[in-house]
Structure formats: C-alpha cells, structure tokens
Amino acid sequence: MCLAIPGKILSIEQVADRPGRMARVSFGGIVKEASLEMVPDAGIGDYVLVHVGVAITKVDEEEAAKTLEYLKEIGELNELEETENEDPPKTQ
C-alpha cells in the first residue's frame, strides 16, 4: 500500500542541480530526504506528509503523532524501516 507518512523537518537545503529545496525529515527516528517543491512555505520544525519522497502538505504535530502511531500499530512502517536498514548499492 502506498501511503503518505508524516515526518518532522530537521534541516533544509537548496540543491544546486535541482529545482526547489530538499529536506531531511524524521519519521519517528528514521531520517530520509524529501523534496519541498510542493510545500514552499514549509520550514525547519514543521511536520509534513511525505509520499514517494515528496512532501505534499503540512500537518500539525498532534495529527502527525496520531498518524505515525496508527501506522506503527498496523505494521505499515515496516517497509520504511527495512529500506533504511538496506545496504547501499555497490558500485564497480
């Protein structure tokens, strides 16, 4: 199932070769990168819903916490945790 996962923006940077900004987002302790192109007003400390690496909207902290807890209960965060623990691809 494809879901948008709530996370907290830890840092933001402008990437030279890409339009928009990229953020480091914490999903209950798991940190991933996400594009902020669709939420240009998002800032450090804001909570956003992220779908396939793109923040799609801002949410409040209480709603983010409730959603994360629900997703943990139904086992939908397992895929996020598994991809975090995978070895990076090897280059030749």
PDB file of N, CA and C in Angstrom:
ATOM      1  N   MET A   1       0.842  -1.167   0.000  1.00  0.00           N
ATOM      2  CA  MET A   1       0.000   0.000   0.000  1.00  0.00           C
ATOM      3  C   MET A   1       0.890   1.234   0.000  1.00  0.00           C
ATOM      4  N   CYS A   2       0.559   2.223  -0.781  1.00  0.00           N
ATOM      5  CA  CYS A   2       1.302   3.483  -0.809  1.00  0.00           C
ATOM      6  C   CYS A   2       0.588   4.490   0.070  1.00  0.00           C
ATOM      7  N   LEU A   3       1.313   4.966   1.066  1.00  0.00           N
ATOM      8  CA  LEU A   3       0.763   5.933   1.998  1.00  0.00           C
ATOM      9  C   LEU A   3       1.664   7.140   2.088  1.00  0.00           C
ATOM     10  N   ALA A   4       1.092   8.271   2.454  1.00  0.00           N
ATOM     11  CA  ALA A   4       1.890   9.438   2.798  1.00  0.00           C
ATOM     12  C   ALA A   4       2.181   9.329   4.292  1.00  0.00           C
ATOM     13  N   ILE A   5       3.446   9.494   4.652  1.00  0.00           N
ATOM     14  CA  ILE A   5       3.888   9.317   6.028  1.00  0.00           C
ATOM     15  C   ILE A   5       4.235  10.682   6.619  1.00  0.00           C
ATOM     16  N   PRO A   6       3.751  10.995   7.837  1.00  0.00           N
ATOM     17  CA  PRO A   6       4.102  12.273   8.443  1.00  0.00           C
ATOM     18  C   PRO A   6       5.501  12.249   9.036  1.00  0.00           C
ATOM     19  N   GLY A   7       6.206  13.352   8.882  1.00  0.00           N
ATOM     20  CA  GLY A   7       7.541  13.474   9.452  1.00  0.00           C
ATOM     21  C   GLY A   7       7.861  14.918   9.789  1.00  0.00           C
ATOM     22  N   LYS A   8       8.882  15.092  10.626  1.00  0.00           N
ATOM     23  CA  LYS A   8       9.306  16.417  11.069  1.00  0.00           C
ATOM     24  C   LYS A   8      10.536  16.850  10.290  1.00  0.00           C
ATOM     25  N   ILE A   9      10.511  18.070   9.758  1.00  0.00           N
ATOM     26  CA  ILE A   9      11.640  18.602   9.004  1.00  0.00           C
ATOM     27  C   ILE A   9      12.765  18.957   9.971  1.00  0.00           C
ATOM     28  N   LEU A  10      13.934  18.338   9.754  1.00  0.00           N
ATOM     29  CA  LEU A  10      15.102  18.587  10.592  1.00  0.00           C
ATOM     30  C   LEU A  10      16.016  19.655  10.003  1.00  0.00           C
ATOM     31  N   SER A  11      16.171  19.641   8.686  1.00  0.00           N
ATOM     32  CA  SER A  11      17.019  20.627   8.019  1.00  0.00           C
ATOM     33  C   SER A  11      16.556  20.776   6.579  1.00  0.00           C
ATOM     34  N   ILE A  12      16.947  21.908   5.978  1.00  0.00           N
ATOM     35  CA  ILE A  12      16.558  22.214   4.599  1.00  0.00           C
ATOM     36  C   ILE A  12      17.786  22.740   3.870  1.00  0.00           C
ATOM     37  N   GLU A  13      17.909  22.332   2.608  1.00  0.00           N
ATOM     38  CA  GLU A  13      18.991  22.887   1.793  1.00  0.00           C
ATOM     39  C   GLU A  13      18.524  23.060   0.359  1.00  0.00           C
ATOM     40  N   GLN A  14      19.101  24.031  -0.299  1.00  0.00           N
ATOM     41  CA  GLN A  14      18.873  24.234  -1.725  1.00  0.00           C
ATOM     42  C   GLN A  14      19.883  23.369  -2.461  1.00  0.00           C
ATOM     43  N   VAL A  15      19.419  22.564  -3.386  1.00  0.00           N
ATOM     44  CA  VAL A  15      20.304  21.695  -4.144  1.00  0.00           C
ATOM     45  C   VAL A  15      20.569  22.354  -5.488  1.00  0.00           C
ATOM     46  N   ALA A  16      21.838  22.536  -5.808  1.00  0.00           N
ATOM     47  CA  ALA A  16      22.238  23.293  -6.992  1.00  0.00           C
ATOM     48  C   ALA A  16      21.669  22.743  -8.294  1.00  0.00           C
ATOM     49  N   ASP A  17      21.657  21.438  -8.460  1.00  0.00           N
ATOM     50  CA  ASP A  17      21.240  20.857  -9.736  1.00  0.00           C
ATOM     51  C   ASP A  17      19.762  20.465  -9.780  1.00  0.00           C
ATOM     52  N   ARG A  18      18.980  20.891  -8.776  1.00  0.00           N
ATOM     53  CA  ARG A  18      17.553  20.543  -8.736  1.00  0.00           C
ATOM     54  C   ARG A  18      16.735  21.779  -8.384  1.00  0.00           C
ATOM     55  N   PRO A  19      15.536  21.879  -8.940  1.00  0.00           N
ATOM     56  CA  PRO A  19      14.671  22.987  -8.538  1.00  0.00           C
ATOM     57  C   PRO A  19      14.117  22.743  -7.136  1.00  0.00           C
ATOM     58  N   GLY A  20      13.813  23.790  -6.455  1.00  0.00           N
ATOM     59  CA  GLY A  20      13.205  23.659  -5.125  1.00  0.00           C
ATOM     60  C   GLY A  20      14.217  23.306  -4.050  1.00  0.00           C
ATOM     61  N   ARG A  21      13.690  22.990  -2.877  1.00  0.00           N
ATOM     62  CA  ARG A  21      14.530  22.673  -1.731  1.00  0.00           C
ATOM     63  C   ARG A  21      14.350  21.225  -1.329  1.00  0.00           C
ATOM     64  N   MET A  22      15.362  20.685  -0.685  1.00  0.00           N
ATOM     65  CA  MET A  22      15.312  19.328  -0.157  1.00  0.00           C
ATOM     66  C   MET A  22      15.409  19.411   1.364  1.00  0.00           C
ATOM     67  N   ALA A  23      14.726  18.506   2.034  1.00  0.00           N
ATOM     68  CA  ALA A  23      14.728  18.493   3.499  1.00  0.00           C
ATOM     69  C   ALA A  23      15.141  17.131   4.013  1.00  0.00           C
ATOM     70  N   ARG A  24      15.774  17.127   5.172  1.00  0.00           N
ATOM     71  CA  ARG A  24      15.970  15.891   5.936  1.00  0.00           C
ATOM     72  C   ARG A  24      14.770  15.820   6.861  1.00  0.00           C
ATOM     73  N   VAL A  25      14.017  14.720   6.775  1.00  0.00           N
ATOM     74  CA  VAL A  25      12.766  14.558   7.510  1.00  0.00           C
ATOM     75  C   VAL A  25      12.854  13.326   8.397  1.00  0.00           C
ATOM     76  N   SER A  26      12.468  13.493   9.668  1.00  0.00           N
ATOM     77  CA  SER A  26      12.477  12.380  10.615  1.00  0.00           C
ATOM     78  C   SER A  26      11.082  11.783  10.712  1.00  0.00           C
ATOM     79  N   PHE A  27      11.021  10.473  10.481  1.00  0.00           N
ATOM     80  CA  PHE A  27       9.772   9.726  10.600  1.00  0.00           C
ATOM     81  C   PHE A  27       9.875   8.856  11.842  1.00  0.00           C
ATOM     82  N   GLY A  28       9.643   9.433  12.997  1.00  0.00           N
ATOM     83  CA  GLY A  28       9.742   8.680  14.241  1.00  0.00           C
ATOM     84  C   GLY A  28      11.141   8.137  14.480  1.00  0.00           C
ATOM     85  N   GLY A  29      12.164   8.882  14.066  1.00  0.00           N
ATOM     86  CA  GLY A  29      13.546   8.475  14.286  1.00  0.00           C
ATOM     87  C   GLY A  29      14.264   7.986  13.039  1.00  0.00           C
ATOM     88  N   ILE A  30      13.537   7.639  12.004  1.00  0.00           N
ATOM     89  CA  ILE A  30      14.130   7.234  10.735  1.00  0.00           C
ATOM     90  C   ILE A  30      14.204   8.482   9.859  1.00  0.00           C
ATOM     91  N   VAL A  31      15.392   8.837   9.398  1.00  0.00           N
ATOM     92  CA  VAL A  31      15.581  10.080   8.650  1.00  0.00           C
ATOM     93  C   VAL A  31      15.761   9.780   7.164  1.00  0.00           C
ATOM     94  N   LYS A  32      14.981  10.486   6.362  1.00  0.00           N
ATOM     95  CA  LYS A  32      15.035  10.365   4.897  1.00  0.00           C
ATOM     96  C   LYS A  32      15.029  11.768   4.295  1.00  0.00           C
ATOM     97  N   GLU A  33      15.362  11.859   3.009  1.00  0.00           N
ATOM     98  CA  GLU A  33      15.277  13.125   2.292  1.00  0.00           C
ATOM     99  C   GLU A  33      13.941  13.219   1.573  1.00  0.00           C
ATOM    100  N   ALA A  34      13.438  14.464   1.476  1.00  0.00           N
ATOM    101  CA  ALA A  34      12.186  14.692   0.754  1.00  0.00           C
ATOM    102  C   ALA A  34      12.242  16.052   0.073  1.00  0.00           C
ATOM    103  N   SER A  35      11.625  16.136  -1.082  1.00  0.00           N
ATOM    104  CA  SER A  35      11.516  17.394  -1.814  1.00  0.00           C
ATOM    105  C   SER A  35      10.447  18.269  -1.159  1.00  0.00           C
ATOM    106  N   LEU A  36      10.726  19.559  -1.068  1.00  0.00           N
ATOM    107  CA  LEU A  36       9.748  20.517  -0.531  1.00  0.00           C
ATOM    108  C   LEU A  36       9.118  21.355  -1.640  1.00  0.00           C
ATOM    109  N   GLU A  37       9.252  20.927  -2.881  1.00  0.00           N
ATOM    110  CA  GLU A  37       8.771  21.706  -4.013  1.00  0.00           C
ATOM    111  C   GLU A  37       7.266  22.004  -3.931  1.00  0.00           C
ATOM    112  N   MET A  38       6.478  21.066  -3.388  1.00  0.00           N
ATOM    113  CA  MET A  38       5.027  21.268  -3.313  1.00  0.00           C
ATOM    114  C   MET A  38       4.596  22.040  -2.063  1.00  0.00           C
ATOM    115  N   VAL A  39       5.501  22.216  -1.109  1.00  0.00           N
ATOM    116  CA  VAL A  39       5.178  22.969   0.114  1.00  0.00           C
ATOM    117  C   VAL A  39       6.278  24.010   0.360  1.00  0.00           C
ATOM    118  N   PRO A  40       6.331  25.043  -0.494  1.00  0.00           N
ATOM    119  CA  PRO A  40       7.412  26.018  -0.402  1.00  0.00           C
ATOM    120  C   PRO A  40       7.448  26.802   0.908  1.00  0.00           C
ATOM    121  N   ASP A  41       6.334  26.833   1.635  1.00  0.00           N
ATOM    122  CA  ASP A  41       6.301  27.570   2.904  1.00  0.00           C
ATOM    123  C   ASP A  41       6.728  26.722   4.099  1.00  0.00           C
ATOM    124  N   ALA A  42       7.063  25.432   3.889  1.00  0.00           N
ATOM    125  CA  ALA A  42       7.474  24.550   4.986  1.00  0.00           C
ATOM    126  C   ALA A  42       8.850  24.976   5.494  1.00  0.00           C
ATOM    127  N   GLY A  43       9.022  24.879   6.819  1.00  0.00           N
ATOM    128  CA  GLY A  43      10.283  25.257   7.433  1.00  0.00           C
ATOM    129  C   GLY A  43      10.756  24.220   8.432  1.00  0.00           C
ATOM    130  N   ILE A  44      11.950  24.435   8.947  1.00  0.00           N
ATOM    131  CA  ILE A  44      12.517  23.535   9.948  1.00  0.00           C
ATOM    132  C   ILE A  44      11.576  23.478  11.148  1.00  0.00           C
ATOM    133  N   GLY A  45      11.295  22.263  11.609  1.00  0.00           N
ATOM    134  CA  GLY A  45      10.385  22.061  12.730  1.00  0.00           C
ATOM    135  C   GLY A  45       8.956  21.783  12.325  1.00  0.00           C
ATOM    136  N   ASP A  46       8.606  22.068  11.070  1.00  0.00           N
ATOM    137  CA  ASP A  46       7.260  21.773  10.576  1.00  0.00           C
ATOM    138  C   ASP A  46       7.108  20.277  10.343  1.00  0.00           C
ATOM    139  N   TYR A  47       5.858  19.823  10.393  1.00  0.00           N
ATOM    140  CA  TYR A  47       5.527  18.442  10.074  1.00  0.00           C
ATOM    141  C   TYR A  47       4.888  18.428   8.693  1.00  0.00           C
ATOM    142  N   VAL A  48       5.301  17.463   7.875  1.00  0.00           N
ATOM    143  CA  VAL A  48       4.785  17.336   6.518  1.00  0.00           C
ATOM    144  C   VAL A  48       4.401  15.889   6.250  1.00  0.00           C
ATOM    145  N   LEU A  49       3.464  15.700   5.337  1.00  0.00           N
ATOM    146  CA  LEU A  49       3.138  14.363   4.836  1.00  0.00           C
ATOM    147  C   LEU A  49       4.007  14.129   3.611  1.00  0.00           C
ATOM    148  N   VAL A  50       4.739  13.008   3.606  1.00  0.00           N
ATOM    149  CA  VAL A  50       5.658  12.704   2.513  1.00  0.00           C
ATOM    150  C   VAL A  50       5.171  11.449   1.784  1.00  0.00           C
ATOM    151  N   HIS A  51       5.079  11.565   0.471  1.00  0.00           N
ATOM    152  CA  HIS A  51       4.682  10.449  -0.374  1.00  0.00           C
ATOM    153  C   HIS A  51       5.725  10.298  -1.474  1.00  0.00           C
ATOM    154  N   VAL A  52       6.313   9.139  -1.597  1.00  0.00           N
ATOM    155  CA  VAL A  52       7.364   8.810  -2.558  1.00  0.00           C
ATOM    156  C   VAL A  52       8.435   9.897  -2.661  1.00  0.00           C
ATOM    157  N   GLY A  53       8.889  10.371  -1.515  1.00  0.00           N
ATOM    158  CA  GLY A  53       9.988  11.323  -1.476  1.00  0.00           C
ATOM    159  C   GLY A  53       9.621  12.770  -1.700  1.00  0.00           C
ATOM    160  N   VAL A  54       8.318  13.074  -1.725  1.00  0.00           N
ATOM    161  CA  VAL A  54       7.862  14.439  -1.935  1.00  0.00           C
ATOM    162  C   VAL A  54       6.916  14.830  -0.804  1.00  0.00           C
ATOM    163  N   ALA A  55       7.222  15.938  -0.131  1.00  0.00           N
ATOM    164  CA  ALA A  55       6.309  16.472   0.879  1.00  0.00           C
ATOM    165  C   ALA A  55       5.115  17.062   0.135  1.00  0.00           C
ATOM    166  N   ILE A  56       3.916  16.623   0.513  1.00  0.00           N
ATOM    167  CA  ILE A  56       2.733  17.052  -0.243  1.00  0.00           C
ATOM    168  C   ILE A  56       1.866  18.051   0.509  1.00  0.00           C
ATOM    169  N   THR A  57       1.988  18.125   1.834  1.00  0.00           N
ATOM    170  CA  THR A  57       1.233  19.100   2.614  1.00  0.00           C
ATOM    171  C   THR A  57       1.813  19.178   4.015  1.00  0.00           C
ATOM    172  N   LYS A  58       1.526  20.282   4.692  1.00  0.00           N
ATOM    173  CA  LYS A  58       1.923  20.410   6.092  1.00  0.00           C
ATOM    174  C   LYS A  58       0.796  19.883   6.975  1.00  0.00           C
ATOM    175  N   VAL A  59       1.157  19.335   8.135  1.00  0.00           N
ATOM    176  CA  VAL A  59       0.187  18.872   9.129  1.00  0.00           C
ATOM    177  C   VAL A  59       0.655  19.345  10.498  1.00  0.00           C
ATOM    178  N   ASP A  60      -0.261  19.362  11.463  1.00  0.00           N
ATOM    179  CA  ASP A  60       0.164  19.777  12.803  1.00  0.00           C
ATOM    180  C   ASP A  60       0.789  18.592  13.546  1.00  0.00           C
ATOM    181  N   GLU A  61       1.540  18.907  14.591  1.00  0.00           N
ATOM    182  CA  GLU A  61       2.299  17.897  15.328  1.00  0.00           C
ATOM    183  C   GLU A  61       1.407  16.813  15.923  1.00  0.00           C
ATOM    184  N   GLU A  62       0.266  17.187  16.456  1.00  0.00           N
ATOM    185  CA  GLU A  62      -0.642  16.213  17.071  1.00  0.00           C
ATOM    186  C   GLU A  62      -1.164  15.213  16.030  1.00  0.00           C
ATOM    187  N   GLU A  63      -1.562  15.722  14.865  1.00  0.00           N
ATOM    188  CA  GLU A  63      -2.053  14.836  13.800  1.00  0.00           C
ATOM    189  C   GLU A  63      -0.938  13.913  13.300  1.00  0.00           C
ATOM    190  N   ALA A  64       0.276  14.450  13.183  1.00  0.00           N
ATOM    191  CA  ALA A  64       1.415  13.634  12.746  1.00  0.00           C
ATOM    192  C   ALA A  64       1.675  12.502  13.735  1.00  0.00           C
ATOM    193  N   ALA A  65       1.654  12.803  15.033  1.00  0.00           N
ATOM    194  CA  ALA A  65       1.912  11.789  16.058  1.00  0.00           C
ATOM    195  C   ALA A  65       0.841  10.697  16.036  1.00  0.00           C
ATOM    196  N   LYS A  66      -0.422  11.094  15.918  1.00  0.00           N
ATOM    197  CA  LYS A  66      -1.517  10.123  15.855  1.00  0.00           C
ATOM    198  C   LYS A  66      -1.367   9.207  14.642  1.00  0.00           C
ATOM    199  N   THR A  67      -1.060   9.793  13.510  1.00  0.00           N
ATOM    200  CA  THR A  67      -0.933   9.015  12.281  1.00  0.00           C
ATOM    201  C   THR A  67       0.241   8.051  12.359  1.00  0.00           C
ATOM    202  N   LEU A  68       1.397   8.521  12.848  1.00  0.00           N
ATOM    203  CA  LEU A  68       2.556   7.632  12.993  1.00  0.00           C
ATOM    204  C   LEU A  68       2.250   6.464  13.921  1.00  0.00           C
ATOM    205  N   GLU A  69       1.580   6.732  15.022  1.00  0.00           N
ATOM    206  CA  GLU A  69       1.242   5.669  15.971  1.00  0.00           C
ATOM    207  C   GLU A  69       0.303   4.650  15.323  1.00  0.00           C
ATOM    208  N   TYR A  70      -0.688   5.133  14.603  1.00  0.00           N
ATOM    209  CA  TYR A  70      -1.615   4.233  13.912  1.00  0.00           C
ATOM    210  C   TYR A  70      -0.874   3.378  12.886  1.00  0.00           C
ATOM    211  N   LEU A  71       0.006   3.996  12.098  1.00  0.00           N
ATOM    212  CA  LEU A  71       0.752   3.248  11.081  1.00  0.00           C
ATOM    213  C   LEU A  71       1.658   2.200  11.715  1.00  0.00           C
ATOM    214  N   LYS A  72       2.245   2.504  12.868  1.00  0.00           N
ATOM    215  CA  LYS A  72       3.060   1.520  13.589  1.00  0.00           C
ATOM    216  C   LYS A  72       2.203   0.341  14.028  1.00  0.00           C
ATOM    217  N   GLU A  73       1.007   0.643  14.567  1.00  0.00           N
ATOM    218  CA  GLU A  73       0.111  -0.403  15.056  1.00  0.00           C
ATOM    219  C   GLU A  73      -0.309  -1.369  13.955  1.00  0.00           C
ATOM    220  N   ILE A  74      -0.529  -0.854  12.754  1.00  0.00           N
ATOM    221  CA  ILE A  74      -0.990  -1.733  11.676  1.00  0.00           C
ATOM    222  C   ILE A  74       0.171  -2.285  10.833  1.00  0.00           C
ATOM    223  N   GLY A  75       1.393  -1.960  11.228  1.00  0.00           N
ATOM    224  CA  GLY A  75       2.561  -2.522  10.560  1.00  0.00           C
ATOM    225  C   GLY A  75       2.928  -1.887   9.238  1.00  0.00           C
ATOM    226  N   GLU A  76       2.449  -0.689   8.978  1.00  0.00           N
ATOM    227  CA  GLU A  76       2.727  -0.045   7.693  1.00  0.00           C
ATOM    228  C   GLU A  76       4.056   0.711   7.680  1.00  0.00           C
ATOM    229  N   LEU A  77       4.757   0.808   8.800  1.00  0.00           N
ATOM    230  CA  LEU A  77       6.060   1.464   8.814  1.00  0.00           C
ATOM    231  C   LEU A  77       7.195   0.476   8.614  1.00  0.00           C
ATOM    232  N   ASN A  78       6.888  -0.807   8.545  1.00  0.00           N
ATOM    233  CA  ASN A  78       7.930  -1.821   8.362  1.00  0.00           C
ATOM    234  C   ASN A  78       8.737  -1.584   7.092  1.00  0.00           C
ATOM    235  N   GLU A  79       8.075  -1.235   6.003  1.00  0.00           N
ATOM    236  CA  GLU A  79       8.782  -1.005   4.743  1.00  0.00           C
ATOM    237  C   GLU A  79       9.741   0.174   4.868  1.00  0.00           C
ATOM    238  N   LEU A  80       9.328   1.221   5.551  1.00  0.00           N
ATOM    239  CA  LEU A  80      10.190   2.385   5.767  1.00  0.00           C
ATOM    240  C   LEU A  80      11.422   1.978   6.558  1.00  0.00           C
ATOM    241  N   GLU A  81      11.247   1.183   7.608  1.00  0.00           N
ATOM    242  CA  GLU A  81      12.368   0.730   8.423  1.00  0.00           C
ATOM    243  C   GLU A  81      13.282  -0.194   7.637  1.00  0.00           C
ATOM    244  N   GLU A  82      12.715  -1.078   6.815  1.00  0.00           N
ATOM    245  CA  GLU A  82      13.517  -2.010   6.025  1.00  0.00           C
ATOM    246  C   GLU A  82      14.382  -1.275   5.015  1.00  0.00           C
ATOM    247  N   THR A  83      13.845  -0.259   4.342  1.00  0.00           N
ATOM    248  CA  THR A  83      14.646   0.461   3.362  1.00  0.00           C
ATOM    249  C   THR A  83      15.750   1.247   4.040  1.00  0.00           C
ATOM    250  N   GLU A  84      15.555   1.689   5.253  1.00  0.00           N
ATOM    251  CA  GLU A  84      16.585   2.409   5.994  1.00  0.00           C
ATOM    252  C   GLU A  84      17.742   1.484   6.339  1.00  0.00           C
ATOM    253  N   ASN A  85      17.467   0.212   6.584  1.00  0.00           N
ATOM    254  CA  ASN A  85      18.497  -0.732   7.006  1.00  0.00           C
ATOM    255  C   ASN A  85      19.168  -1.467   5.851  1.00  0.00           C
ATOM    256  N   GLU A  86      18.716  -1.260   4.624  1.00  0.00           N
ATOM    257  CA  GLU A  86      19.306  -1.941   3.484  1.00  0.00           C
ATOM    258  C   GLU A  86      20.707  -1.415   3.227  1.00  0.00           C
ATOM    259  N   ASP A  87      21.579  -2.286   2.730  1.00  0.00           N
ATOM    260  CA  ASP A  87      22.919  -1.864   2.339  1.00  0.00           C
ATOM    261  C   ASP A  87      22.812  -1.021   1.082  1.00  0.00           C
ATOM    262  N   PRO A  88      23.642   0.041   0.952  1.00  0.00           N
ATOM    263  CA  PRO A  88      23.604   0.833  -0.274  1.00  0.00           C
ATOM    264  C   PRO A  88      24.102   0.003  -1.447  1.00  0.00           C
ATOM    265  N   PRO A  89      23.647   0.325  -2.660  1.00  0.00           N
ATOM    266  CA  PRO A  89      24.116  -0.431  -3.817  1.00  0.00           C
ATOM    267  C   PRO A  89      25.627  -0.280  -3.979  1.00  0.00           C
ATOM    268  N   LYS A  90      26.256  -1.368  -4.403  1.00  0.00           N
ATOM    269  CA  LYS A  90      27.707  -1.349  -4.600  1.00  0.00           C
ATOM    270  C   LYS A  90      28.019  -0.855  -5.999  1.00  0.00           C
ATOM    271  N   THR A  91      29.054  -0.021  -6.099  1.00  0.00           N
ATOM    272  CA  THR A  91      29.483   0.464  -7.394  1.00  0.00           C
ATOM    273  C   THR A  91      30.744  -0.269  -7.815  1.00  0.00           C
ATOM    274  N   GLN A  92      30.927  -0.372  -9.094  1.00  0.00           N
ATOM    275  CA  GLN A  92      32.103  -1.089  -9.608  1.00  0.00           C
ATOM    276  C   GLN A  92      33.110  -0.125 -10.162  1.00  0.00           C
TER     277      GLN A  92
END
